Amino acid sequence: MRVLGGPEQGHPDRVLGREGPAMLVVALLLLPVLSLLLYGLDRVEDHWVTRPPGPRHARRRPPAGRH
């Protein structure tokens, strides 16, 4: 019967392996990038679905022929 945490698996108190801290740093650095990407995709989807009205700052053009 194999015991978990035996000598072939390393010390049982050691949660992160050799690559553990590096993977943790990469994951934490990717969180802001992924959140900005998801925010941008959400904005693009809203723009495509709702088709916002014309620009709010546009002036009305005078009728043709009058100055």
N, C-alpha and C. Protein backbone atom coordinates (compact mmCIF):
# COMPACT_ATOMS: atom_id res chain seq x y z
N MET A 1 0.84 -1.18 0.00
CA MET A 1 0.00 0.00 0.00
C MET A 1 0.89 1.24 0.00
N ARG A 2 0.58 2.19 -0.90
CA ARG A 2 1.37 3.41 -0.98
C ARG A 2 0.77 4.47 -0.07
N VAL A 3 1.61 5.15 0.62
CA VAL A 3 1.17 6.21 1.52
C VAL A 3 1.38 7.55 0.82
N LEU A 4 0.36 8.39 0.83
CA LEU A 4 0.49 9.69 0.23
C LEU A 4 1.52 10.51 1.00
N GLY A 5 2.35 11.21 0.29
CA GLY A 5 3.37 12.02 0.92
C GLY A 5 4.59 11.22 1.33
N GLY A 6 4.74 10.05 0.75
CA GLY A 6 5.89 9.21 1.07
C GLY A 6 7.17 9.79 0.49
N PRO A 7 8.29 9.12 0.67
CA PRO A 7 9.56 9.64 0.23
C PRO A 7 9.65 9.86 -1.29
N GLU A 8 8.90 9.07 -2.08
CA GLU A 8 8.97 9.24 -3.52
C GLU A 8 8.21 10.49 -3.99
N GLN A 9 7.35 11.03 -3.16
CA GLN A 9 6.56 12.20 -3.56
C GLN A 9 7.08 13.49 -2.94
N GLY A 10 8.09 13.45 -2.15
CA GLY A 10 8.60 14.67 -1.53
C GLY A 10 7.96 14.90 -0.17
N HIS A 11 8.30 15.98 0.44
CA HIS A 11 7.80 16.29 1.77
C HIS A 11 6.32 16.65 1.70
N PRO A 12 5.49 16.13 2.61
CA PRO A 12 4.05 16.39 2.54
C PRO A 12 3.67 17.83 2.84
N ASP A 13 4.51 18.57 3.58
CA ASP A 13 4.19 19.95 3.90
C ASP A 13 4.50 20.90 2.75
N ARG A 14 5.20 20.41 1.78
CA ARG A 14 5.59 21.24 0.65
C ARG A 14 4.45 21.26 -0.36
N VAL A 15 3.73 22.37 -0.40
CA VAL A 15 2.55 22.45 -1.26
C VAL A 15 2.95 22.78 -2.68
N LEU A 16 3.80 23.78 -2.86
CA LEU A 16 4.22 24.19 -4.19
C LEU A 16 5.50 23.46 -4.57
N GLY A 17 5.55 22.98 -5.79
CA GLY A 17 6.76 22.32 -6.28
C GLY A 17 7.80 23.33 -6.70
N ARG A 18 8.76 22.89 -7.44
CA ARG A 18 9.84 23.77 -7.89
C ARG A 18 9.30 24.86 -8.81
N GLU A 19 8.36 24.53 -9.68
CA GLU A 19 7.82 25.53 -10.59
C GLU A 19 6.61 26.25 -10.00
N GLY A 20 6.18 25.89 -8.83
CA GLY A 20 5.00 26.49 -8.20
C GLY A 20 5.06 27.99 -8.05
N PRO A 21 6.10 28.55 -7.42
CA PRO A 21 6.13 30.01 -7.25
C PRO A 21 6.14 30.76 -8.58
N ALA A 22 6.85 30.25 -9.57
CA ALA A 22 6.88 30.93 -10.88
C ALA A 22 5.50 30.90 -11.53
N MET A 23 4.82 29.79 -11.42
CA MET A 23 3.47 29.70 -11.99
C MET A 23 2.51 30.63 -11.27
N LEU A 24 2.70 30.75 -9.96
CA LEU A 24 1.84 31.64 -9.18
C LEU A 24 2.06 33.09 -9.60
N VAL A 25 3.30 33.49 -9.81
CA VAL A 25 3.60 34.86 -10.24
C VAL A 25 3.01 35.12 -11.62
N VAL A 26 3.16 34.18 -12.52
CA VAL A 26 2.60 34.35 -13.87
C VAL A 26 1.08 34.46 -13.81
N ALA A 27 0.45 33.64 -13.00
CA ALA A 27 -1.01 33.70 -12.88
C ALA A 27 -1.46 35.04 -12.32
N LEU A 28 -0.76 35.55 -11.32
CA LEU A 28 -1.15 36.84 -10.74
C LEU A 28 -0.90 37.99 -11.71
N LEU A 29 0.13 37.89 -12.53
CA LEU A 29 0.39 38.93 -13.51
C LEU A 29 -0.61 38.88 -14.67
N LEU A 30 -1.15 37.71 -14.95
CA LEU A 30 -2.11 37.59 -16.04
C LEU A 30 -3.51 38.06 -15.65
N LEU A 31 -3.80 38.14 -14.37
CA LEU A 31 -5.15 38.53 -13.96
C LEU A 31 -5.55 39.91 -14.50
N PRO A 32 -4.73 40.96 -14.35
CA PRO A 32 -5.16 42.26 -14.90
C PRO A 32 -5.29 42.24 -16.42
N VAL A 33 -4.41 41.51 -17.09
CA VAL A 33 -4.47 41.45 -18.55
C VAL A 33 -5.76 40.77 -19.00
N LEU A 34 -6.09 39.68 -18.35
CA LEU A 34 -7.32 38.97 -18.72
C LEU A 34 -8.56 39.79 -18.39
N SER A 35 -8.53 40.50 -17.26
CA SER A 35 -9.70 41.31 -16.92
C SER A 35 -9.89 42.45 -17.93
N LEU A 36 -8.80 43.08 -18.37
CA LEU A 36 -8.92 44.13 -19.38
C LEU A 36 -9.41 43.55 -20.71
N LEU A 37 -8.93 42.37 -21.06
CA LEU A 37 -9.37 41.73 -22.29
C LEU A 37 -10.87 41.43 -22.24
N LEU A 38 -11.34 40.88 -21.12
CA LEU A 38 -12.76 40.58 -21.00
C LEU A 38 -13.59 41.86 -21.00
N TYR A 39 -13.10 42.92 -20.37
CA TYR A 39 -13.82 44.19 -20.37
C TYR A 39 -13.93 44.72 -21.81
N GLY A 40 -12.84 44.66 -22.55
CA GLY A 40 -12.86 45.13 -23.93
C GLY A 40 -13.80 44.32 -24.79
N LEU A 41 -13.78 43.02 -24.62
CA LEU A 41 -14.69 42.18 -25.40
C LEU A 41 -16.15 42.46 -25.06
N ASP A 42 -16.41 42.74 -23.79
CA ASP A 42 -17.77 43.07 -23.38
C ASP A 42 -18.22 44.37 -24.02
N ARG A 43 -17.33 45.37 -24.07
CA ARG A 43 -17.67 46.65 -24.70
C ARG A 43 -17.93 46.47 -26.19
N VAL A 44 -17.10 45.67 -26.85
CA VAL A 44 -17.28 45.44 -28.29
C VAL A 44 -18.60 44.72 -28.54
N GLU A 45 -18.90 43.74 -27.71
CA GLU A 45 -20.16 43.01 -27.89
C GLU A 45 -21.35 43.95 -27.69
N ASP A 46 -21.28 44.80 -26.67
CA ASP A 46 -22.37 45.76 -26.44
C ASP A 46 -22.51 46.70 -27.63
N HIS A 47 -21.40 47.12 -28.20
CA HIS A 47 -21.44 48.02 -29.35
C HIS A 47 -22.08 47.34 -30.56
N TRP A 48 -21.75 46.07 -30.77
CA TRP A 48 -22.31 45.35 -31.91
C TRP A 48 -23.78 45.05 -31.72
N VAL A 49 -24.18 44.72 -30.50
CA VAL A 49 -25.56 44.29 -30.26
C VAL A 49 -26.50 45.48 -30.21
N THR A 50 -26.14 46.53 -29.49
CA THR A 50 -27.08 47.62 -29.27
C THR A 50 -27.03 48.68 -30.36
N ARG A 51 -25.98 48.76 -31.15
CA ARG A 51 -25.84 49.77 -32.20
C ARG A 51 -26.17 51.15 -31.64
N PRO A 52 -25.23 51.76 -30.96
CA PRO A 52 -25.52 53.04 -30.30
C PRO A 52 -25.96 54.10 -31.31
N PRO A 53 -26.76 55.07 -30.86
CA PRO A 53 -27.19 56.14 -31.77
C PRO A 53 -25.98 56.95 -32.23
N GLY A 54 -26.24 57.88 -33.12
CA GLY A 54 -25.17 58.71 -33.66
C GLY A 54 -24.38 59.41 -32.57
N PRO A 55 -23.33 60.09 -32.96
CA PRO A 55 -22.50 60.76 -31.97
C PRO A 55 -23.29 61.84 -31.24
N ARG A 56 -23.00 61.99 -29.95
CA ARG A 56 -23.72 62.96 -29.13
C ARG A 56 -23.26 64.38 -29.39
N HIS A 57 -22.09 64.55 -29.96
CA HIS A 57 -21.54 65.88 -30.14
C HIS A 57 -21.76 66.44 -31.54
N ALA A 58 -22.48 65.71 -32.38
CA ALA A 58 -22.66 66.16 -33.77
C ALA A 58 -23.65 67.32 -33.83
N ARG A 59 -23.32 68.31 -34.66
CA ARG A 59 -24.23 69.42 -34.89
C ARG A 59 -25.16 69.08 -36.04
N ARG A 60 -26.30 69.66 -36.03
CA ARG A 60 -27.23 69.46 -37.15
C ARG A 60 -26.75 70.32 -38.31
N ARG A 61 -26.81 69.77 -39.49
CA ARG A 61 -26.41 70.50 -40.67
C ARG A 61 -27.52 71.41 -41.14
N PRO A 62 -27.17 72.59 -41.62
CA PRO A 62 -28.22 73.46 -42.17
C PRO A 62 -28.77 72.85 -43.45
N PRO A 63 -29.99 73.18 -43.81
CA PRO A 63 -30.59 72.64 -45.05
C PRO A 63 -29.72 73.03 -46.25
N ALA A 64 -29.75 72.20 -47.26
CA ALA A 64 -28.94 72.44 -48.45
C ALA A 64 -29.40 73.71 -49.17
N GLY A 65 -28.49 74.49 -49.66
CA GLY A 65 -28.81 75.68 -50.43
C GLY A 65 -28.87 76.94 -49.58
N ARG A 66 -28.94 76.85 -48.30
CA ARG A 66 -28.97 78.03 -47.43
C ARG A 66 -27.63 78.20 -46.74
N HIS A 67 -27.22 79.43 -46.60
CA HIS A 67 -25.95 79.69 -45.91
C HIS A 67 -26.14 80.68 -44.82
